[in-house]
Amino acid sequence: IPMDGEGMRVDLLEEKLRELESREEKVKFIYTIPTGQN
């Protein structure tokens, strides 16, 4: 999921999750490095 200056774009995350759910694809977890991201 693309980032901007505040971190992961949660609006784009929501869009992607809806898209994946519509295809019944299984998401296991969200991995994030929220501080000092590498």
Full PDB file with SEQRES, HELIX, SHEET, SSBOND, CRYST1, ORIGX, SCALE, CONECT and MASTER records, all heavy atoms in Angstrom:
SEQRES   1 A   38  ILE PRO MET ASP GLY GLU GLY MET ARG VAL ASP LEU LEU          
SEQRES   2 A   38  GLU GLU LYS LEU ARG GLU LEU GLU SER ARG GLU GLU LYS          
SEQRES   3 A   38  VAL LYS PHE ILE TYR THR ILE PRO THR GLY GLN ASN              
HELIX    1 AA1 VAL A   10  SER A   22  1                                  13    
SHEET    1 AA1 2 MET A   3  ASP A   4  0                                        
SHEET    2 AA1 2 GLY A   7  MET A   8 -1                                        
CRYST1    1.000    1.000    1.000  90.00  90.00  90.00 P 1           1          
ORIGX1      1.000000  0.000000  0.000000        0.00000                         
ORIGX2      0.000000  1.000000  0.000000        0.00000                         
ORIGX3      0.000000  0.000000  1.000000        0.00000                         
SCALE1      1.000000  0.000000  0.000000        0.00000                         
SCALE2      0.000000  1.000000  0.000000        0.00000                         
SCALE3      0.000000  0.000000  1.000000        0.00000                         
ATOM      1  N   ILE A   1       0.855  -1.183   0.000  1.00  0.00           N  
ATOM      2  CA  ILE A   1       0.000   0.000   0.000  1.00  0.00           C  
ATOM      3  C   ILE A   1       0.893   1.236   0.000  1.00  0.00           C  
ATOM      4  O   ILE A   1       1.761   1.373   0.869  1.00  0.00           O  
ATOM      5  CB  ILE A   1      -0.929   0.025   1.233  1.00  0.00           C  
ATOM      6  CG1 ILE A   1      -1.743  -1.273   1.319  1.00  0.00           C  
ATOM      7  CG2 ILE A   1      -1.835   1.251   1.193  1.00  0.00           C  
ATOM      8  CD1 ILE A   1      -2.656  -1.529   0.151  1.00  0.00           C  
ATOM      9  N   PRO A   2       0.709   2.147  -0.956  1.00  0.00           N  
ATOM     10  CA  PRO A   2       1.577   3.327  -1.033  1.00  0.00           C  
ATOM     11  C   PRO A   2       1.570   4.151   0.255  1.00  0.00           C  
ATOM     12  O   PRO A   2       0.617   4.114   1.038  1.00  0.00           O  
ATOM     13  CB  PRO A   2       0.976   4.115  -2.195  1.00  0.00           C  
ATOM     14  CG  PRO A   2       0.293   3.096  -3.035  1.00  0.00           C  
ATOM     15  CD  PRO A   2      -0.246   2.085  -2.069  1.00  0.00           C  
ATOM     16  N   MET A   3       2.653   4.911   0.428  1.00  0.00           N  
ATOM     17  CA  MET A   3       2.826   5.762   1.597  1.00  0.00           C  
ATOM     18  C   MET A   3       2.818   7.229   1.179  1.00  0.00           C  
ATOM     19  O   MET A   3       3.089   7.566   0.026  1.00  0.00           O  
ATOM     20  CB  MET A   3       4.162   5.456   2.284  1.00  0.00           C  
ATOM     21  CG  MET A   3       4.353   4.022   2.698  1.00  0.00           C  
ATOM     22  SD  MET A   3       6.010   3.739   3.397  1.00  0.00           S  
ATOM     23  CE  MET A   3       5.880   4.643   4.943  1.00  0.00           C  
ATOM     24  N   ASP A   4       2.527   8.083   2.154  1.00  0.00           N  
ATOM     25  CA  ASP A   4       2.785   9.509   2.010  1.00  0.00           C  
ATOM     26  C   ASP A   4       3.540   9.952   3.258  1.00  0.00           C  
ATOM     27  O   ASP A   4       4.073   9.103   3.995  1.00  0.00           O  
ATOM     28  CB  ASP A   4       1.485  10.299   1.776  1.00  0.00           C  
ATOM     29  CG  ASP A   4       0.491  10.198   2.931  1.00  0.00           C  
ATOM     30  OD1 ASP A   4       0.883   9.762   4.050  1.00  0.00           O  
ATOM     31  OD2 ASP A   4      -0.684  10.566   2.743  1.00  0.00           O  
ATOM     32  N   GLY A   5       3.605  11.237   3.514  1.00  0.00           N  
ATOM     33  CA  GLY A   5       4.379  11.739   4.641  1.00  0.00           C  
ATOM     34  C   GLY A   5       3.861  11.340   5.999  1.00  0.00           C  
ATOM     35  O   GLY A   5       4.555  11.502   7.011  1.00  0.00           O  
ATOM     36  N   GLU A   6       2.637  10.783   6.076  1.00  0.00           N  
ATOM     37  CA  GLU A   6       2.064  10.338   7.352  1.00  0.00           C  
ATOM     38  C   GLU A   6       2.051   8.830   7.498  1.00  0.00           C  
ATOM     39  O   GLU A   6       1.524   8.300   8.466  1.00  0.00           O  
ATOM     40  CB  GLU A   6       0.639  10.875   7.500  1.00  0.00           C  
ATOM     41  CG  GLU A   6       0.546  12.382   7.623  1.00  0.00           C  
ATOM     42  CD  GLU A   6      -0.871  12.828   7.943  1.00  0.00           C  
ATOM     43  OE1 GLU A   6      -1.456  12.315   8.915  1.00  0.00           O  
ATOM     44  OE2 GLU A   6      -1.397  13.682   7.206  1.00  0.00           O  
ATOM     45  N   GLY A   7       2.642   8.117   6.527  1.00  0.00           N  
ATOM     46  CA  GLY A   7       2.691   6.666   6.619  1.00  0.00           C  
ATOM     47  C   GLY A   7       1.816   5.994   5.583  1.00  0.00           C  
ATOM     48  O   GLY A   7       1.511   6.565   4.530  1.00  0.00           O  
ATOM     49  N   MET A   8       1.433   4.755   5.870  1.00  0.00           N  
ATOM     50  CA  MET A   8       0.599   3.998   4.944  1.00  0.00           C  
ATOM     51  C   MET A   8      -0.689   4.751   4.639  1.00  0.00           C  
ATOM     52  O   MET A   8      -1.346   5.256   5.541  1.00  0.00           O  
ATOM     53  CB  MET A   8       0.264   2.621   5.539  1.00  0.00           C  
ATOM     54  CG  MET A   8      -0.544   1.725   4.610  1.00  0.00           C  
ATOM     55  SD  MET A   8      -1.118   0.188   5.403  1.00  0.00           S  
ATOM     56  CE  MET A   8       0.418  -0.696   5.606  1.00  0.00           C  
ATOM     57  N   ARG A   9      -1.074   4.802   3.362  1.00  0.00           N  
ATOM     58  CA  ARG A   9      -2.313   5.449   2.943  1.00  0.00           C  
ATOM     59  C   ARG A   9      -3.491   4.545   3.315  1.00  0.00           C  
ATOM     60  O   ARG A   9      -3.832   3.598   2.593  1.00  0.00           O  
ATOM     61  CB  ARG A   9      -2.286   5.700   1.444  1.00  0.00           C  
ATOM     62  CG  ARG A   9      -1.361   6.823   0.980  1.00  0.00           C  
ATOM     63  CD  ARG A   9      -2.036   8.182   1.085  1.00  0.00           C  
ATOM     64  NE  ARG A   9      -3.296   8.218   0.337  1.00  0.00           N  
ATOM     65  CZ  ARG A   9      -3.398   8.460  -0.971  1.00  0.00           C  
ATOM     66  NH1 ARG A   9      -2.308   8.677  -1.697  1.00  0.00           N  
ATOM     67  NH2 ARG A   9      -4.582   8.493  -1.560  1.00  0.00           N  
ATOM     68  N   VAL A  10      -4.127   4.832   4.421  1.00  0.00           N  
ATOM     69  CA  VAL A  10      -5.204   3.972   4.909  1.00  0.00           C  
ATOM     70  C   VAL A  10      -6.411   4.009   3.974  1.00  0.00           C  
ATOM     71  O   VAL A  10      -7.140   3.020   3.848  1.00  0.00           O  
ATOM     72  CB  VAL A  10      -5.586   4.359   6.352  1.00  0.00           C  
ATOM     73  CG1 VAL A  10      -6.787   3.558   6.841  1.00  0.00           C  
ATOM     74  CG2 VAL A  10      -4.401   4.121   7.286  1.00  0.00           C  
ATOM     75  N   ASP A  11      -6.629   5.137   3.282  1.00  0.00           N  
ATOM     76  CA  ASP A  11      -7.734   5.185   2.326  1.00  0.00           C  
ATOM     77  C   ASP A  11      -7.504   4.189   1.194  1.00  0.00           C  
ATOM     78  O   ASP A  11      -8.435   3.487   0.767  1.00  0.00           O  
ATOM     79  CB  ASP A  11      -7.909   6.603   1.782  1.00  0.00           C  
ATOM     80  CG  ASP A  11      -6.641   7.140   1.108  1.00  0.00           C  
ATOM     81  OD1 ASP A  11      -5.527   6.757   1.524  1.00  0.00           O  
ATOM     82  OD2 ASP A  11      -6.764   7.963   0.173  1.00  0.00           O  
ATOM     83  N   LEU A  12      -6.264   4.070   0.735  1.00  0.00           N  
ATOM     84  CA  LEU A  12      -5.948   3.099  -0.314  1.00  0.00           C  
ATOM     85  C   LEU A  12      -5.977   1.671   0.229  1.00  0.00           C  
ATOM     86  O   LEU A  12      -6.316   0.726  -0.503  1.00  0.00           O  
ATOM     87  CB  LEU A  12      -4.587   3.397  -0.924  1.00  0.00           C  
ATOM     88  CG  LEU A  12      -4.453   4.769  -1.608  1.00  0.00           C  
ATOM     89  CD1 LEU A  12      -3.062   4.931  -2.210  1.00  0.00           C  
ATOM     90  CD2 LEU A  12      -5.525   4.948  -2.692  1.00  0.00           C  
ATOM     91  N   LEU A  13      -5.621   1.516   1.487  1.00  0.00           N  
ATOM     92  CA  LEU A  13      -5.726   0.204   2.128  1.00  0.00           C  
ATOM     93  C   LEU A  13      -7.174  -0.282   2.127  1.00  0.00           C  
ATOM     94  O   LEU A  13      -7.455  -1.438   1.781  1.00  0.00           O  
ATOM     95  CB  LEU A  13      -5.188   0.274   3.561  1.00  0.00           C  
ATOM     96  CG  LEU A  13      -5.459  -0.955   4.445  1.00  0.00           C  
ATOM     97  CD1 LEU A  13      -4.737  -2.183   3.899  1.00  0.00           C  
ATOM     98  CD2 LEU A  13      -5.039  -0.670   5.888  1.00  0.00           C  
ATOM     99  N   GLU A  14      -8.106   0.600   2.496  1.00  0.00           N  
ATOM    100  CA  GLU A  14      -9.523   0.228   2.502  1.00  0.00           C  
ATOM    101  C   GLU A  14      -9.982  -0.192   1.116  1.00  0.00           C  
ATOM    102  O   GLU A  14     -10.696  -1.197   0.952  1.00  0.00           O  
ATOM    103  CB  GLU A  14     -10.368   1.391   3.009  1.00  0.00           C  
ATOM    104  CG  GLU A  14     -10.243   1.640   4.502  1.00  0.00           C  
ATOM    105  CD  GLU A  14     -11.236   2.674   4.980  1.00  0.00           C  
ATOM    106  OE1 GLU A  14     -10.976   3.868   4.774  1.00  0.00           O  
ATOM    107  OE2 GLU A  14     -12.276   2.273   5.557  1.00  0.00           O  
ATOM    108  N   GLU A  15      -9.581   0.567   0.115  1.00  0.00           N  
ATOM    109  CA  GLU A  15      -9.955   0.220  -1.257  1.00  0.00           C  
ATOM    110  C   GLU A  15      -9.427  -1.162  -1.635  1.00  0.00           C  
ATOM    111  O   GLU A  15     -10.140  -1.977  -2.242  1.00  0.00           O  
ATOM    112  CB  GLU A  15      -9.410   1.260  -2.234  1.00  0.00           C  
ATOM    113  CG  GLU A  15     -10.087   2.619  -2.160  1.00  0.00           C  
ATOM    114  CD  GLU A  15      -9.468   3.598  -3.152  1.00  0.00           C  
ATOM    115  OE1 GLU A  15      -8.700   3.144  -4.044  1.00  0.00           O  
ATOM    116  OE2 GLU A  15      -9.742   4.809  -3.043  1.00  0.00           O  
ATOM    117  N   LYS A  16      -8.178  -1.417  -1.305  1.00  0.00           N  
ATOM    118  CA  LYS A  16      -7.571  -2.697  -1.658  1.00  0.00           C  
ATOM    119  C   LYS A  16      -8.249  -3.848  -0.916  1.00  0.00           C  
ATOM    120  O   LYS A  16      -8.491  -4.923  -1.508  1.00  0.00           O  
ATOM    121  CB  LYS A  16      -6.075  -2.666  -1.340  1.00  0.00           C  
ATOM    122  CG  LYS A  16      -5.333  -3.961  -1.645  1.00  0.00           C  
ATOM    123  CD  LYS A  16      -5.477  -4.389  -3.095  1.00  0.00           C  
ATOM    124  CE  LYS A  16      -4.736  -3.472  -4.034  1.00  0.00           C  
ATOM    125  NZ  LYS A  16      -4.749  -4.005  -5.421  1.00  0.00           N  
ATOM    126  N   LEU A  17      -8.569  -3.656   0.358  1.00  0.00           N  
ATOM    127  CA  LEU A  17      -9.235  -4.717   1.115  1.00  0.00           C  
ATOM    128  C   LEU A  17     -10.601  -5.038   0.531  1.00  0.00           C  
ATOM    129  O   LEU A  17     -10.994  -6.210   0.431  1.00  0.00           O  
ATOM    130  CB  LEU A  17      -9.354  -4.315   2.591  1.00  0.00           C  
ATOM    131  CG  LEU A  17      -8.046  -4.307   3.390  1.00  0.00           C  
ATOM    132  CD1 LEU A  17      -8.281  -3.754   4.787  1.00  0.00           C  
ATOM    133  CD2 LEU A  17      -7.446  -5.712   3.467  1.00  0.00           C  
ATOM    134  N   ARG A  18     -11.354  -4.018   0.149  1.00  0.00           N  
ATOM    135  CA  ARG A  18     -12.668  -4.261  -0.462  1.00  0.00           C  
ATOM    136  C   ARG A  18     -12.514  -5.028  -1.781  1.00  0.00           C  
ATOM    137  O   ARG A  18     -13.301  -5.938  -2.079  1.00  0.00           O  
ATOM    138  CB  ARG A  18     -13.401  -2.931  -0.687  1.00  0.00           C  
ATOM    139  CG  ARG A  18     -13.941  -2.315   0.592  1.00  0.00           C  
ATOM    140  CD  ARG A  18     -14.958  -1.230   0.284  1.00  0.00           C  
ATOM    141  NE  ARG A  18     -14.352  -0.082  -0.399  1.00  0.00           N  
ATOM    142  CZ  ARG A  18     -13.860   0.976   0.223  1.00  0.00           C  
ATOM    143  NH1 ARG A  18     -13.886   1.043   1.553  1.00  0.00           N  
ATOM    144  NH2 ARG A  18     -13.342   1.988  -0.460  1.00  0.00           N  
ATOM    145  N   GLU A  19     -11.491  -4.648  -2.531  1.00  0.00           N  
ATOM    146  CA  GLU A  19     -11.236  -5.335  -3.805  1.00  0.00           C  
ATOM    147  C   GLU A  19     -10.901  -6.809  -3.572  1.00  0.00           C  
ATOM    148  O   GLU A  19     -11.428  -7.705  -4.252  1.00  0.00           O  
ATOM    149  CB  GLU A  19     -10.085  -4.637  -4.527  1.00  0.00           C  
ATOM    150  CG  GLU A  19      -9.627  -5.332  -5.796  1.00  0.00           C  
ATOM    151  CD  GLU A  19      -8.305  -4.758  -6.312  1.00  0.00           C  
ATOM    152  OE1 GLU A  19      -8.074  -3.535  -6.138  1.00  0.00           O  
ATOM    153  OE2 GLU A  19      -7.512  -5.538  -6.863  1.00  0.00           O  
ATOM    154  N   LEU A  20     -10.026  -7.078  -2.608  1.00  0.00           N  
ATOM    155  CA  LEU A  20      -9.625  -8.454  -2.323  1.00  0.00           C  
ATOM    156  C   LEU A  20     -10.799  -9.268  -1.785  1.00  0.00           C  
ATOM    157  O   LEU A  20     -10.974 -10.442  -2.147  1.00  0.00           O  
ATOM    158  CB  LEU A  20      -8.458  -8.468  -1.332  1.00  0.00           C  
ATOM    159  CG  LEU A  20      -7.137  -7.866  -1.842  1.00  0.00           C  
ATOM    160  CD1 LEU A  20      -6.146  -7.712  -0.704  1.00  0.00           C  
ATOM    161  CD2 LEU A  20      -6.544  -8.731  -2.950  1.00  0.00           C  
ATOM    162  N   GLU A  21     -11.587  -8.653  -0.905  1.00  0.00           N  
ATOM    163  CA  GLU A  21     -12.739  -9.351  -0.342  1.00  0.00           C  
ATOM    164  C   GLU A  21     -13.768  -9.680  -1.419  1.00  0.00           C  
ATOM    165  O   GLU A  21     -14.410 -10.736  -1.375  1.00  0.00           O  
ATOM    166  CB  GLU A  21     -13.369  -8.511   0.770  1.00  0.00           C  
ATOM    167  CG  GLU A  21     -12.513  -8.472   2.038  1.00  0.00           C  
ATOM    168  CD  GLU A  21     -12.967  -7.401   3.017  1.00  0.00           C  
ATOM    169  OE1 GLU A  21     -13.924  -6.659   2.697  1.00  0.00           O  
ATOM    170  OE2 GLU A  21     -12.357  -7.304   4.097  1.00  0.00           O  
ATOM    171  N   SER A  22     -13.921  -8.797  -2.400  1.00  0.00           N  
ATOM    172  CA  SER A  22     -14.879  -9.051  -3.475  1.00  0.00           C  
ATOM    173  C   SER A  22     -14.476 -10.272  -4.296  1.00  0.00           C  
ATOM    174  O   SER A  22     -15.318 -10.931  -4.912  1.00  0.00           O  
ATOM    175  CB  SER A  22     -15.003  -7.820  -4.380  1.00  0.00           C  
ATOM    176  OG  SER A  22     -13.828  -7.646  -5.168  1.00  0.00           O  
ATOM    177  N   ARG A  23     -13.159 -10.584  -4.287  1.00  0.00           N  
ATOM    178  CA  ARG A  23     -12.663 -11.761  -5.013  1.00  0.00           C  
ATOM    179  C   ARG A  23     -12.466 -12.946  -4.067  1.00  0.00           C  
ATOM    180  O   ARG A  23     -11.913 -13.970  -4.472  1.00  0.00           O  
ATOM    181  CB  ARG A  23     -11.342 -11.426  -5.711  1.00  0.00           C  
ATOM    182  CG  ARG A  23     -11.461 -10.323  -6.752  1.00  0.00           C  
ATOM    183  CD  ARG A  23     -10.287 -10.377  -7.737  1.00  0.00           C  
ATOM    184  NE  ARG A  23      -8.996 -10.208  -7.061  1.00  0.00           N  
ATOM    185  CZ  ARG A  23      -8.302  -9.074  -7.049  1.00  0.00           C  
ATOM    186  NH1 ARG A  23      -8.801  -7.990  -7.621  1.00  0.00           N  
ATOM    187  NH2 ARG A  23      -7.133  -9.006  -6.444  1.00  0.00           N  
ATOM    188  N   GLU A  24     -12.878 -12.767  -2.792  1.00  0.00           N  
ATOM    189  CA  GLU A  24     -12.776 -13.820  -1.776  1.00  0.00           C  
ATOM    190  C   GLU A  24     -11.329 -14.280  -1.598  1.00  0.00           C  
ATOM    191  O   GLU A  24     -11.048 -15.463  -1.420  1.00  0.00           O  
ATOM    192  CB  GLU A  24     -13.685 -15.002  -2.115  1.00  0.00           C  
ATOM    193  CG  GLU A  24     -15.161 -14.625  -2.140  1.00  0.00           C  
ATOM    194  CD  GLU A  24     -16.062 -15.832  -2.372  1.00  0.00           C  
ATOM    195  OE1 GLU A  24     -15.541 -16.901  -2.743  1.00  0.00           O  
ATOM    196  OE2 GLU A  24     -17.275 -15.683  -2.166  1.00  0.00           O  
ATOM    197  N   GLU A  25     -10.402 -13.319  -1.632  1.00  0.00           N  
ATOM    198  CA  GLU A  25      -8.994 -13.621  -1.406  1.00  0.00           C  
ATOM    199  C   GLU A  25      -8.661 -13.379   0.058  1.00  0.00           C  
ATOM    200  O   GLU A  25      -9.100 -12.412   0.662  1.00  0.00           O  
ATOM    201  CB  GLU A  25      -8.117 -12.765  -2.323  1.00  0.00           C  
ATOM    202  CG  GLU A  25      -8.355 -13.062  -3.797  1.00  0.00           C  
ATOM    203  CD  GLU A  25      -7.338 -12.382  -4.691  1.00  0.00           C  
ATOM    204  OE1 GLU A  25      -6.187 -12.854  -4.719  1.00  0.00           O  
ATOM    205  OE2 GLU A  25      -7.682 -11.386  -5.332  1.00  0.00           O  
ATOM    206  N   LYS A  26      -7.845 -14.257   0.612  1.00  0.00           N  
ATOM    207  CA  LYS A  26      -7.576 -14.281   2.050  1.00  0.00           C  
ATOM    208  C   LYS A  26      -6.386 -13.404   2.425  1.00  0.00           C  
ATOM    209  O   LYS A  26      -5.260 -13.628   1.973  1.00  0.00           O  
ATOM    210  CB  LYS A  26      -7.289 -15.719   2.500  1.00  0.00           C  
ATOM    211  CG  LYS A  26      -6.977 -15.879   3.968  1.00  0.00           C  
ATOM    212  CD  LYS A  26      -8.164 -15.555   4.845  1.00  0.00           C  
ATOM    213  CE  LYS A  26      -7.871 -15.830   6.314  1.00  0.00           C  
ATOM    214  NZ  LYS A  26      -9.000 -15.434   7.183  1.00  0.00           N  
ATOM    215  N   VAL A  27      -6.640 -12.403   3.260  1.00  0.00           N  
ATOM    216  CA  VAL A  27      -5.576 -11.573   3.833  1.00  0.00           C  
ATOM    217  C   VAL A  27      -5.292 -12.083   5.232  1.00  0.00           C  
ATOM    218  O   VAL A  27      -6.201 -12.191   6.062  1.00  0.00           O  
ATOM    219  CB  VAL A  27      -5.986 -10.088   3.881  1.00  0.00           C  
ATOM    220  CG1 VAL A  27      -4.901  -9.259   4.575  1.00  0.00           C  
ATOM    221  CG2 VAL A  27      -6.248  -9.557   2.474  1.00  0.00           C  
ATOM    222  N   LYS A  28      -4.026 -12.384   5.536  1.00  0.00           N  
ATOM    223  CA  LYS A  28      -3.675 -12.918   6.845  1.00  0.00           C  
ATOM    224  C   LYS A  28      -3.389 -11.822   7.870  1.00  0.00           C  
ATOM    225  O   LYS A  28      -3.806 -11.904   9.009  1.00  0.00           O  
ATOM    226  CB  LYS A  28      -2.468 -13.860   6.726  1.00  0.00           C  
ATOM    227  CG  LYS A  28      -2.873 -15.312   6.454  1.00  0.00           C  
ATOM    228  CD  LYS A  28      -3.660 -15.916   7.619  1.00  0.00           C  
ATOM    229  CE  LYS A  28      -4.223 -17.287   7.308  1.00  0.00           C  
ATOM    230  NZ  LYS A  28      -3.208 -18.337   7.268  1.00  0.00           N  
ATOM    231  N   PHE A  29      -2.617 -10.801   7.486  1.00  0.00           N  
ATOM    232  CA  PHE A  29      -2.335  -9.719   8.424  1.00  0.00           C  
ATOM    233  C   PHE A  29      -1.780  -8.518   7.680  1.00  0.00           C  
ATOM    234  O   PHE A  29      -1.423  -8.600   6.502  1.00  0.00           O  
ATOM    235  CB  PHE A  29      -1.369 -10.168   9.537  1.00  0.00           C  
ATOM    236  CG  PHE A  29      -0.047 -10.711   9.069  1.00  0.00           C  
ATOM    237  CD1 PHE A  29       1.010  -9.869   8.763  1.00  0.00           C  
ATOM    238  CD2 PHE A  29       0.150 -12.080   8.963  1.00  0.00           C  
ATOM    239  CE1 PHE A  29       2.232 -10.361   8.351  1.00  0.00           C  
ATOM    240  CE2 PHE A  29       1.372 -12.598   8.547  1.00  0.00           C  
ATOM    241  CZ  PHE A  29       2.413 -11.745   8.242  1.00  0.00           C  
ATOM    242  N   ILE A  30      -1.706  -7.407   8.411  1.00  0.00           N  
ATOM    243  CA  ILE A  30      -1.103  -6.163   7.919  1.00  0.00           C  
ATOM    244  C   ILE A  30       0.214  -5.982   8.663  1.00  0.00           C  
ATOM    245  O   ILE A  30       0.235  -5.957   9.900  1.00  0.00           O  
ATOM    246  CB  ILE A  30      -2.017  -4.955   8.180  1.00  0.00           C  
ATOM    247  CG1 ILE A  30      -3.372  -5.136   7.492  1.00  0.00           C  
ATOM    248  CG2 ILE A  30      -1.346  -3.663   7.718  1.00  0.00           C  
ATOM    249  CD1 ILE A  30      -4.419  -4.132   7.957  1.00  0.00           C  
ATOM    250  N   TYR A  31       1.295  -5.853   7.927  1.00  0.00           N  
ATOM    251  CA  TYR A  31       2.614  -5.640   8.519  1.00  0.00           C  
ATOM    252  C   TYR A  31       3.005  -4.179   8.331  1.00  0.00           C  
ATOM    253  O   TYR A  31       2.967  -3.657   7.210  1.00  0.00           O  
ATOM    254  CB  TYR A  31       3.637  -6.557   7.845  1.00  0.00           C  
ATOM    255  CG  TYR A  31       5.077  -6.266   8.212  1.00  0.00           C  
ATOM    256  CD1 TYR A  31       5.611  -6.694   9.423  1.00  0.00           C  
ATOM    257  CD2 TYR A  31       5.913  -5.563   7.339  1.00  0.00           C  
ATOM    258  CE1 TYR A  31       6.932  -6.437   9.753  1.00  0.00           C  
ATOM    259  CE2 TYR A  31       7.234  -5.312   7.649  1.00  0.00           C  
ATOM    260  CZ  TYR A  31       7.752  -5.746   8.860  1.00  0.00           C  
ATOM    261  OH  TYR A  31       9.055  -5.485   9.192  1.00  0.00           O  
ATOM    262  N   THR A  32       3.387  -3.534   9.416  1.00  0.00           N  
ATOM    263  CA  THR A  32       3.750  -2.121   9.342  1.00  0.00           C  
ATOM    264  C   THR A  32       4.948  -1.813  10.229  1.00  0.00           C  
ATOM    265  O   THR A  32       5.146  -2.436  11.280  1.00  0.00           O  
ATOM    266  CB  THR A  32       2.563  -1.224   9.746  1.00  0.00           C  
ATOM    267  OG1 THR A  32       2.946   0.155   9.697  1.00  0.00           O  
ATOM    268  CG2 THR A  32       2.072  -1.527  11.152  1.00  0.00           C  
ATOM    269  N   ILE A  33       5.756  -0.859   9.783  1.00  0.00           N  
ATOM    270  CA  ILE A  33       6.859  -0.301  10.592  1.00  0.00           C  
ATOM    271  C   ILE A  33       6.496   1.164  10.800  1.00  0.00           C  
ATOM    272  O   ILE A  33       6.930   2.034  10.041  1.00  0.00           O  
ATOM    273  CB  ILE A  33       8.217  -0.427   9.877  1.00  0.00           C  
ATOM    274  CG1 ILE A  33       8.416  -1.831   9.316  1.00  0.00           C  
ATOM    275  CG2 ILE A  33       9.363  -0.048  10.835  1.00  0.00           C  
ATOM    276  CD1 ILE A  33       9.623  -1.964   8.402  1.00  0.00           C  
ATOM    277  N   PRO A  34       5.693   1.489  11.800  1.00  0.00           N  
ATOM    278  CA  PRO A  34       5.129   2.834  11.875  1.00  0.00           C  
ATOM    279  C   PRO A  34       6.097   3.929  12.305  1.00  0.00           C  
ATOM    280  O   PRO A  34       5.847   5.104  12.037  1.00  0.00           O  
ATOM    281  CB  PRO A  34       3.983   2.681  12.879  1.00  0.00           C  
ATOM    282  CG  PRO A  34       4.355   1.501  13.707  1.00  0.00           C  
ATOM    283  CD  PRO A  34       5.127   0.589  12.825  1.00  0.00           C  
ATOM    284  N   THR A  35       7.191   3.569  12.959  1.00  0.00           N  
ATOM    285  CA  THR A  35       8.128   4.588  13.447  1.00  0.00           C  
ATOM    286  C   THR A  35       9.478   4.437  12.774  1.00  0.00           C  
ATOM    287  O   THR A  35      10.085   3.361  12.819  1.00  0.00           O  
ATOM    288  CB  THR A  35       8.282   4.479  14.977  1.00  0.00           C  
ATOM    289  OG1 THR A  35       7.011   4.681  15.600  1.00  0.00           O  
ATOM    290  CG2 THR A  35       9.268   5.519  15.499  1.00  0.00           C  
ATOM    291  N   GLY A  36       9.947   5.512  12.109  1.00  0.00           N  
ATOM    292  CA  GLY A  36      11.245   5.472  11.445  1.00  0.00           C  
ATOM    293  C   GLY A  36      11.301   4.400  10.369  1.00  0.00           C  
ATOM    294  O   GLY A  36      12.294   3.688  10.241  1.00  0.00           O  
ATOM    295  N   GLN A  37      10.258   4.299   9.575  1.00  0.00           N  
ATOM    296  CA  GLN A  37      10.074   3.182   8.647  1.00  0.00           C  
ATOM    297  C   GLN A  37      11.297   2.922   7.777  1.00  0.00           C  
ATOM    298  O   GLN A  37      11.940   3.845   7.287  1.00  0.00           O  
ATOM    299  CB  GLN A  37       8.837   3.453   7.771  1.00  0.00           C  
ATOM    300  CG  GLN A  37       8.248   2.209   7.142  1.00  0.00           C  
ATOM    301  CD  GLN A  37       8.579   2.049   5.672  1.00  0.00           C  
ATOM    302  OE1 GLN A  37       9.398   2.772   5.111  1.00  0.00           O  
ATOM    303  NE2 GLN A  37       7.936   1.095   5.025  1.00  0.00           N  
ATOM    304  N   ASN A  38      11.626   1.662   7.632  1.00  0.00           N  
ATOM    305  CA  ASN A  38      12.712   1.222   6.767  1.00  0.00           C  
ATOM    306  C   ASN A  38      12.097   0.699   5.477  1.00  0.00           C  
ATOM    307  O   ASN A  38      11.313  -0.248   5.514  1.00  0.00           O  
ATOM    308  CB  ASN A  38      13.489   0.103   7.468  1.00  0.00           C  
ATOM    309  CG  ASN A  38      14.686  -0.393   6.681  1.00  0.00           C  
ATOM    310  OD1 ASN A  38      14.967   0.060   5.584  1.00  0.00           O  
ATOM    311  ND2 ASN A  38      15.391  -1.361   7.255  1.00  0.00           N  
TER     312      ASN A  38                                                      
MASTER        0    0    0    1    2    0    0    6  311    1    0    3          
END                                                                             
